[in-house]
Amino acid sequence: MPDSEESSGFSASFTDLMTSLAVIFILLLCASLNNAFQQGQNIRENILERIKNELKEFIAKGVEIKKDEKDPLAILILVPEGLLEFKFNRSDIPPKGVDFLNVFIPKLANVIYSEDFRDEITSVVVEGHTDSKGDDEHNLKLSQDRSMEVVRQCLVALNVKSISQDTRDFFLTVLSATGRGERDLIYKSDGTEDEAKSRRVVFKIRVRSFEEKKIERFIQVTTK
């Protein structure tokens, strides 16, 4: 066999080998990512069930706890207007809402900081929402002010003897606020806006992703 043909055959075999290795690598990577994604969803399920069990009294009063259909690693806690209510065009929390947060927040903090979940939670975001009355700029600012007021009251609610300093510090580390304005309105079955349900506060709890865990491990190793 001429040298050129032998060389050509070797190159083809080498190319086939590299292609096969690349395919195997991609398949293993996909399997690894899928396992990590599934693990994240399983953790979310466990946290969801624990929160539902610990907050039964609030569910009976109208609080809704569910998966976030837009985020596979997030849990939504929707607080209806009747429990955490704001006066028209105001951001201060009336006494009834303060009483709700003073009981609700310590119980939520204890679940999140439990030994099983404290390393799995990356954030707890308080989202403020309005109905469509008024202009966008006004509603956005109003919702931001309301969410910040809820966060401020959370700080007060955590100053109780039943909450450890570690639990308090952790909850404050992951806690933040954002205003959504009228961007996520809720509609009735007939397609019209449900204004009462649109005016709401949502606690969005997010499970730490596979990528975030890898970055944290890398930081821990490199800083030792």
C-alpha atoms as a PDB file:
ATOM      1  CA  MET A   1       0.000   0.000   0.000  1.00  0.00           C
ATOM      2  CA  PRO A   2       1.391   3.429  -0.906  1.00  0.00           C
ATOM      3  CA  ASP A   3       2.339   5.734   1.958  1.00  0.00           C
ATOM      4  CA  SER A   4      -0.347   8.249   0.986  1.00  0.00           C
ATOM      5  CA  GLU A   5      -3.115   5.638   1.202  1.00  0.00           C
ATOM      6  CA  GLU A   6      -1.812   4.346   4.534  1.00  0.00           C
ATOM      7  CA  SER A   7      -1.636   7.885   5.895  1.00  0.00           C
ATOM      8  CA  SER A   8      -5.148   8.620   4.628  1.00  0.00           C
ATOM      9  CA  GLY A   9      -6.495   5.472   6.296  1.00  0.00           C
ATOM     10  CA  PHE A  10      -4.832   6.342   9.581  1.00  0.00           C
ATOM     11  CA  SER A  11      -6.256   9.891   9.475  1.00  0.00           C
ATOM     12  CA  ALA A  12      -9.752   8.563   8.819  1.00  0.00           C
ATOM     13  CA  SER A  13      -9.469   6.089  11.725  1.00  0.00           C
ATOM     14  CA  PHE A  14      -8.163   8.811  14.012  1.00  0.00           C
ATOM     15  CA  THR A  15     -10.999  11.148  12.988  1.00  0.00           C
ATOM     16  CA  ASP A  16     -13.563   8.401  13.649  1.00  0.00           C
ATOM     17  CA  LEU A  17     -12.023   7.750  17.054  1.00  0.00           C
ATOM     18  CA  MET A  18     -12.091  11.447  18.017  1.00  0.00           C
ATOM     19  CA  THR A  19     -15.682  11.750  16.800  1.00  0.00           C
ATOM     20  CA  SER A  20     -16.702   8.752  18.902  1.00  0.00           C
ATOM     21  CA  LEU A  21     -14.952  10.183  21.962  1.00  0.00           C
ATOM     22  CA  ALA A  22     -16.638  13.547  21.416  1.00  0.00           C
ATOM     23  CA  VAL A  23     -20.049  11.869  21.180  1.00  0.00           C
ATOM     24  CA  ILE A  24     -19.375   9.887  24.376  1.00  0.00           C
ATOM     25  CA  PHE A  25     -18.242  13.057  26.159  1.00  0.00           C
ATOM     26  CA  ILE A  26     -21.394  14.936  25.087  1.00  0.00           C
ATOM     27  CA  LEU A  27     -23.621  12.062  26.192  1.00  0.00           C
ATOM     28  CA  LEU A  28     -21.896  11.889  29.589  1.00  0.00           C
ATOM     29  CA  LEU A  29     -22.150  15.669  29.985  1.00  0.00           C
ATOM     30  CA  CYS A  30     -25.861  15.619  29.115  1.00  0.00           C
ATOM     31  CA  ALA A  31     -26.442  12.778  31.579  1.00  0.00           C
ATOM     32  CA  SER A  32     -24.534  14.639  34.293  1.00  0.00           C
ATOM     33  CA  LEU A  33     -26.476  17.876  33.717  1.00  0.00           C
ATOM     34  CA  ASN A  34     -29.747  15.979  33.625  1.00  0.00           C
ATOM     35  CA  ASN A  35     -28.939  14.275  36.933  1.00  0.00           C
ATOM     36  CA  ALA A  36     -28.013  17.628  38.484  1.00  0.00           C
ATOM     37  CA  PHE A  37     -31.217  19.199  37.181  1.00  0.00           C
ATOM     38  CA  GLN A  38     -33.283  16.312  38.523  1.00  0.00           C
ATOM     39  CA  GLN A  39     -31.523  16.563  41.872  1.00  0.00           C
ATOM     40  CA  GLY A  40     -32.404  20.249  42.021  1.00  0.00           C
ATOM     41  CA  GLN A  41     -36.050  19.503  41.278  1.00  0.00           C
ATOM     42  CA  ASN A  42     -36.108  16.779  43.948  1.00  0.00           C
ATOM     43  CA  ILE A  43     -34.719  19.226  46.502  1.00  0.00           C
ATOM     44  CA  ARG A  44     -37.380  21.735  45.479  1.00  0.00           C
ATOM     45  CA  GLU A  45     -40.067  19.092  45.984  1.00  0.00           C
ATOM     46  CA  ASN A  46     -38.760  18.291  49.463  1.00  0.00           C
ATOM     47  CA  ILE A  47     -38.625  21.954  50.472  1.00  0.00           C
ATOM     48  CA  LEU A  48     -42.081  22.557  49.003  1.00  0.00           C
ATOM     49  CA  GLU A  49     -43.637  19.728  50.995  1.00  0.00           C
ATOM     50  CA  ARG A  50     -41.888  20.795  54.206  1.00  0.00           C
ATOM     51  CA  ILE A  51     -43.061  24.394  53.824  1.00  0.00           C
ATOM     52  CA  LYS A  52     -46.620  23.258  53.113  1.00  0.00           C
ATOM     53  CA  ASN A  53     -46.589  21.070  56.204  1.00  0.00           C
ATOM     54  CA  GLU A  54     -45.107  23.750  58.474  1.00  0.00           C
ATOM     55  CA  LEU A  55     -47.388  26.517  57.179  1.00  0.00           C
ATOM     56  CA  LYS A  56     -50.698  24.655  57.170  1.00  0.00           C
ATOM     57  CA  GLU A  57     -52.380  27.307  59.282  1.00  0.00           C
ATOM     58  CA  PHE A  58     -51.590  29.954  56.669  1.00  0.00           C
ATOM     59  CA  ILE A  59     -52.699  27.774  53.766  1.00  0.00           C
ATOM     60  CA  ALA A  60     -56.056  27.453  55.519  1.00  0.00           C
ATOM     61  CA  LYS A  61     -56.245  31.258  55.512  1.00  0.00           C
ATOM     62  CA  GLY A  62     -55.592  31.585  51.791  1.00  0.00           C
ATOM     63  CA  VAL A  63     -51.806  31.524  51.396  1.00  0.00           C
ATOM     64  CA  GLU A  64     -50.872  29.581  48.242  1.00  0.00           C
ATOM     65  CA  ILE A  65     -47.629  27.606  48.101  1.00  0.00           C
ATOM     66  CA  LYS A  66     -46.687  26.120  44.734  1.00  0.00           C
ATOM     67  CA  LYS A  67     -43.971  25.488  42.153  1.00  0.00           C
ATOM     68  CA  ASP A  68     -42.951  28.314  39.859  1.00  0.00           C
ATOM     69  CA  GLU A  69     -43.908  27.127  36.377  1.00  0.00           C
ATOM     70  CA  LYS A  70     -41.420  29.604  34.854  1.00  0.00           C
ATOM     71  CA  ASP A  71     -38.475  28.475  36.983  1.00  0.00           C
ATOM     72  CA  PRO A  72     -37.848  24.766  37.675  1.00  0.00           C
ATOM     73  CA  LEU A  73     -35.818  25.602  40.791  1.00  0.00           C
ATOM     74  CA  ALA A  74     -38.206  28.073  42.445  1.00  0.00           C
ATOM     75  CA  ILE A  75     -41.090  27.944  44.925  1.00  0.00           C
ATOM     76  CA  LEU A  76     -43.749  30.651  45.128  1.00  0.00           C
ATOM     77  CA  ILE A  77     -45.598  31.651  48.280  1.00  0.00           C
ATOM     78  CA  LEU A  78     -48.503  33.900  47.318  1.00  0.00           C
ATOM     79  CA  VAL A  79     -49.962  36.001  50.109  1.00  0.00           C
ATOM     80  CA  PRO A  80     -53.481  37.232  49.285  1.00  0.00           C
ATOM     81  CA  GLU A  81     -54.544  40.812  49.810  1.00  0.00           C
ATOM     82  CA  GLY A  82     -56.731  39.869  52.752  1.00  0.00           C
ATOM     83  CA  LEU A  83     -53.708  38.797  54.839  1.00  0.00           C
ATOM     84  CA  LEU A  84     -51.094  41.326  53.773  1.00  0.00           C
ATOM     85  CA  GLU A  85     -53.108  44.306  52.676  1.00  0.00           C
ATOM     86  CA  PHE A  86     -52.066  47.837  51.759  1.00  0.00           C
ATOM     87  CA  LYS A  87     -54.296  50.868  51.704  1.00  0.00           C
ATOM     88  CA  PHE A  88     -54.915  52.471  48.314  1.00  0.00           C
ATOM     89  CA  ASN A  89     -51.765  54.144  46.993  1.00  0.00           C
ATOM     90  CA  ARG A  90     -49.904  53.520  50.289  1.00  0.00           C
ATOM     91  CA  SER A  91     -46.874  51.377  51.091  1.00  0.00           C
ATOM     92  CA  ASP A  92     -47.107  51.213  54.890  1.00  0.00           C
ATOM     93  CA  ILE A  93     -48.353  47.882  56.255  1.00  0.00           C
ATOM     94  CA  PRO A  94     -51.571  48.065  58.320  1.00  0.00           C
ATOM     95  CA  PRO A  95     -51.623  46.345  61.768  1.00  0.00           C
ATOM     96  CA  LYS A  96     -53.310  43.204  60.421  1.00  0.00           C
ATOM     97  CA  GLY A  97     -50.511  42.699  57.906  1.00  0.00           C
ATOM     98  CA  VAL A  98     -47.874  43.307  60.571  1.00  0.00           C
ATOM     99  CA  ASP A  99     -49.488  40.661  62.779  1.00  0.00           C
ATOM    100  CA  PHE A 100     -49.428  38.213  59.869  1.00  0.00           C
ATOM    101  CA  LEU A 101     -45.723  38.757  59.120  1.00  0.00           C
ATOM    102  CA  ASN A 102     -44.765  38.541  62.793  1.00  0.00           C
ATOM    103  CA  VAL A 103     -46.103  34.980  62.896  1.00  0.00           C
ATOM    104  CA  PHE A 104     -45.408  33.901  59.320  1.00  0.00           C
ATOM    105  CA  ILE A 105     -41.774  34.986  58.895  1.00  0.00           C
ATOM    106  CA  PRO A 106     -40.258  33.182  61.935  1.00  0.00           C
ATOM    107  CA  LYS A 107     -41.862  29.894  60.842  1.00  0.00           C
ATOM    108  CA  LEU A 108     -40.691  30.331  57.249  1.00  0.00           C
ATOM    109  CA  ALA A 109     -37.165  31.208  58.424  1.00  0.00           C
ATOM    110  CA  ASN A 110     -36.955  28.092  60.599  1.00  0.00           C
ATOM    111  CA  VAL A 111     -37.909  25.849  57.663  1.00  0.00           C
ATOM    112  CA  ILE A 112     -35.427  27.460  55.285  1.00  0.00           C
ATOM    113  CA  TYR A 113     -32.583  27.327  57.797  1.00  0.00           C
ATOM    114  CA  SER A 114     -33.248  23.727  58.777  1.00  0.00           C
ATOM    115  CA  GLU A 115     -30.229  21.426  58.542  1.00  0.00           C
ATOM    116  CA  ASP A 116     -31.670  19.755  55.443  1.00  0.00           C
ATOM    117  CA  PHE A 117     -32.136  22.929  53.399  1.00  0.00           C
ATOM    118  CA  ARG A 118     -29.811  25.723  54.559  1.00  0.00           C
ATOM    119  CA  ASP A 119     -27.165  24.803  51.966  1.00  0.00           C
ATOM    120  CA  GLU A 120     -29.734  24.466  49.186  1.00  0.00           C
ATOM    121  CA  ILE A 121     -31.405  27.892  49.309  1.00  0.00           C
ATOM    122  CA  THR A 122     -29.862  30.679  47.254  1.00  0.00           C
ATOM    123  CA  SER A 123     -32.429  33.484  47.653  1.00  0.00           C
ATOM    124  CA  VAL A 124     -35.765  34.571  49.094  1.00  0.00           C
ATOM    125  CA  VAL A 125     -37.144  37.457  47.051  1.00  0.00           C
ATOM    126  CA  VAL A 126     -40.125  39.518  48.184  1.00  0.00           C
ATOM    127  CA  GLU A 127     -42.045  40.552  45.064  1.00  0.00           C
ATOM    128  CA  GLY A 128     -44.562  43.378  45.237  1.00  0.00           C
ATOM    129  CA  HIS A 129     -47.408  43.421  42.682  1.00  0.00           C
ATOM    130  CA  THR A 130     -50.137  45.922  41.817  1.00  0.00           C
ATOM    131  CA  ASP A 131     -53.259  45.889  39.673  1.00  0.00           C
ATOM    132  CA  SER A 132     -53.421  47.788  36.364  1.00  0.00           C
ATOM    133  CA  LYS A 133     -54.921  50.983  37.766  1.00  0.00           C
ATOM    134  CA  GLY A 134     -52.601  53.955  37.344  1.00  0.00           C
ATOM    135  CA  ASP A 135     -49.613  54.345  35.027  1.00  0.00           C
ATOM    136  CA  ASP A 136     -46.694  51.923  34.776  1.00  0.00           C
ATOM    137  CA  GLU A 137     -44.125  54.186  36.426  1.00  0.00           C
ATOM    138  CA  HIS A 138     -46.314  54.856  39.452  1.00  0.00           C
ATOM    139  CA  ASN A 139     -47.255  51.182  39.885  1.00  0.00           C
ATOM    140  CA  LEU A 140     -43.643  50.050  39.626  1.00  0.00           C
ATOM    141  CA  LYS A 141     -42.495  52.465  42.332  1.00  0.00           C
ATOM    142  CA  LEU A 142     -45.476  51.601  44.537  1.00  0.00           C
ATOM    143  CA  SER A 143     -44.751  47.882  44.278  1.00  0.00           C
ATOM    144  CA  GLN A 144     -41.064  48.475  45.049  1.00  0.00           C
ATOM    145  CA  ASP A 145     -41.925  50.544  48.107  1.00  0.00           C
ATOM    146  CA  ARG A 146     -44.324  47.858  49.330  1.00  0.00           C
ATOM    147  CA  SER A 147     -41.834  45.032  48.869  1.00  0.00           C
ATOM    148  CA  MET A 148     -39.180  47.009  50.745  1.00  0.00           C
ATOM    149  CA  GLU A 149     -41.652  47.672  53.547  1.00  0.00           C
ATOM    150  CA  VAL A 150     -42.319  43.929  53.802  1.00  0.00           C
ATOM    151  CA  VAL A 151     -38.577  43.254  54.024  1.00  0.00           C
ATOM    152  CA  ARG A 152     -38.248  45.890  56.743  1.00  0.00           C
ATOM    153  CA  GLN A 153     -41.026  44.219  58.725  1.00  0.00           C
ATOM    154  CA  CYS A 154     -39.331  40.842  58.221  1.00  0.00           C
ATOM    155  CA  LEU A 155     -36.321  42.228  60.083  1.00  0.00           C
ATOM    156  CA  VAL A 156     -38.572  43.166  62.967  1.00  0.00           C
ATOM    157  CA  ALA A 157     -40.388  39.816  62.898  1.00  0.00           C
ATOM    158  CA  LEU A 158     -37.097  37.922  63.265  1.00  0.00           C
ATOM    159  CA  ASN A 159     -36.225  39.662  66.521  1.00  0.00           C
ATOM    160  CA  VAL A 160     -37.918  37.028  68.668  1.00  0.00           C
ATOM    161  CA  LYS A 161     -36.504  34.493  71.119  1.00  0.00           C
ATOM    162  CA  SER A 162     -37.707  31.543  69.041  1.00  0.00           C
ATOM    163  CA  ILE A 163     -35.276  32.501  66.249  1.00  0.00           C
ATOM    164  CA  SER A 164     -31.567  31.814  66.683  1.00  0.00           C
ATOM    165  CA  GLN A 165     -28.974  34.377  65.649  1.00  0.00           C
ATOM    166  CA  ASP A 166     -27.689  31.992  62.955  1.00  0.00           C
ATOM    167  CA  THR A 167     -31.192  31.600  61.504  1.00  0.00           C
ATOM    168  CA  ARG A 168     -31.704  35.352  61.543  1.00  0.00           C
ATOM    169  CA  ASP A 169     -28.355  36.044  59.868  1.00  0.00           C
ATOM    170  CA  PHE A 170     -28.959  33.444  57.166  1.00  0.00           C
ATOM    171  CA  PHE A 171     -32.463  34.670  56.357  1.00  0.00           C
ATOM    172  CA  LEU A 172     -31.272  38.262  56.072  1.00  0.00           C
ATOM    173  CA  THR A 173     -28.419  37.151  53.801  1.00  0.00           C
ATOM    174  CA  VAL A 174     -30.741  35.523  51.254  1.00  0.00           C
ATOM    175  CA  LEU A 175     -33.597  38.052  51.601  1.00  0.00           C
ATOM    176  CA  SER A 176     -34.153  40.790  49.007  1.00  0.00           C
ATOM    177  CA  ALA A 177     -36.982  42.865  47.529  1.00  0.00           C
ATOM    178  CA  THR A 178     -38.209  43.731  44.053  1.00  0.00           C
ATOM    179  CA  GLY A 179     -41.229  45.516  42.616  1.00  0.00           C
ATOM    180  CA  ARG A 180     -43.028  43.986  39.648  1.00  0.00           C
ATOM    181  CA  GLY A 181     -45.686  46.662  39.242  1.00  0.00           C
ATOM    182  CA  GLU A 182     -48.483  45.466  36.961  1.00  0.00           C
ATOM    183  CA  ARG A 183     -46.297  43.164  34.852  1.00  0.00           C
ATOM    184  CA  ASP A 184     -47.754  39.914  36.227  1.00  0.00           C
ATOM    185  CA  LEU A 185     -51.487  40.514  36.446  1.00  0.00           C
ATOM    186  CA  ILE A 186     -53.871  37.714  37.458  1.00  0.00           C
ATOM    187  CA  TYR A 187     -56.950  37.109  35.325  1.00  0.00           C
ATOM    188  CA  LYS A 188     -60.312  35.505  35.976  1.00  0.00           C
ATOM    189  CA  SER A 189     -61.685  32.625  33.924  1.00  0.00           C
ATOM    190  CA  ASP A 190     -63.604  35.098  31.736  1.00  0.00           C
ATOM    191  CA  GLY A 191     -60.361  36.877  30.778  1.00  0.00           C
ATOM    192  CA  THR A 192     -60.900  40.013  32.862  1.00  0.00           C
ATOM    193  CA  GLU A 193     -58.344  41.157  35.425  1.00  0.00           C
ATOM    194  CA  ASP A 194     -58.768  39.963  38.990  1.00  0.00           C
ATOM    195  CA  GLU A 195     -57.708  43.213  40.646  1.00  0.00           C
ATOM    196  CA  ALA A 196     -57.824  41.895  44.214  1.00  0.00           C
ATOM    197  CA  LYS A 197     -55.565  38.932  43.415  1.00  0.00           C
ATOM    198  CA  SER A 198     -53.265  41.069  41.288  1.00  0.00           C
ATOM    199  CA  ARG A 199     -52.530  43.224  44.352  1.00  0.00           C
ATOM    200  CA  ARG A 200     -50.382  40.735  46.198  1.00  0.00           C
ATOM    201  CA  VAL A 201     -47.022  39.976  47.779  1.00  0.00           C
ATOM    202  CA  VAL A 202     -45.081  36.922  46.631  1.00  0.00           C
ATOM    203  CA  PHE A 203     -42.162  35.245  48.405  1.00  0.00           C
ATOM    204  CA  LYS A 204     -40.016  33.542  45.763  1.00  0.00           C
ATOM    205  CA  ILE A 205     -37.653  30.918  47.173  1.00  0.00           C
ATOM    206  CA  ARG A 206     -34.988  29.622  44.828  1.00  0.00           C
ATOM    207  CA  VAL A 207     -32.975  26.413  45.153  1.00  0.00           C
ATOM    208  CA  ARG A 208     -29.244  26.605  44.479  1.00  0.00           C
ATOM    209  CA  SER A 209     -28.406  25.459  40.955  1.00  0.00           C
ATOM    210  CA  PHE A 210     -25.781  22.911  39.939  1.00  0.00           C
ATOM    211  CA  GLU A 211     -23.608  25.694  38.470  1.00  0.00           C
ATOM    212  CA  GLU A 212     -23.802  27.752  41.674  1.00  0.00           C
ATOM    213  CA  LYS A 213     -22.725  24.758  43.744  1.00  0.00           C
ATOM    214  CA  LYS A 214     -19.718  24.162  41.456  1.00  0.00           C
ATOM    215  CA  ILE A 215     -18.648  27.808  41.725  1.00  0.00           C
ATOM    216  CA  GLU A 216     -18.951  27.728  45.514  1.00  0.00           C
ATOM    217  CA  ARG A 217     -16.877  24.534  45.736  1.00  0.00           C
ATOM    218  CA  PHE A 218     -14.230  26.097  43.454  1.00  0.00           C
ATOM    219  CA  ILE A 219     -14.094  29.246  45.626  1.00  0.00           C
ATOM    220  CA  GLN A 220     -13.799  27.163  48.791  1.00  0.00           C
ATOM    221  CA  VAL A 221     -10.923  25.108  47.331  1.00  0.00           C
ATOM    222  CA  THR A 222      -9.022  28.089  45.922  1.00  0.00           C
ATOM    223  CA  THR A 223      -9.324  30.191  49.071  1.00  0.00           C
ATOM    224  CA  LYS A 224      -8.057  27.522  51.464  1.00  0.00           C
END
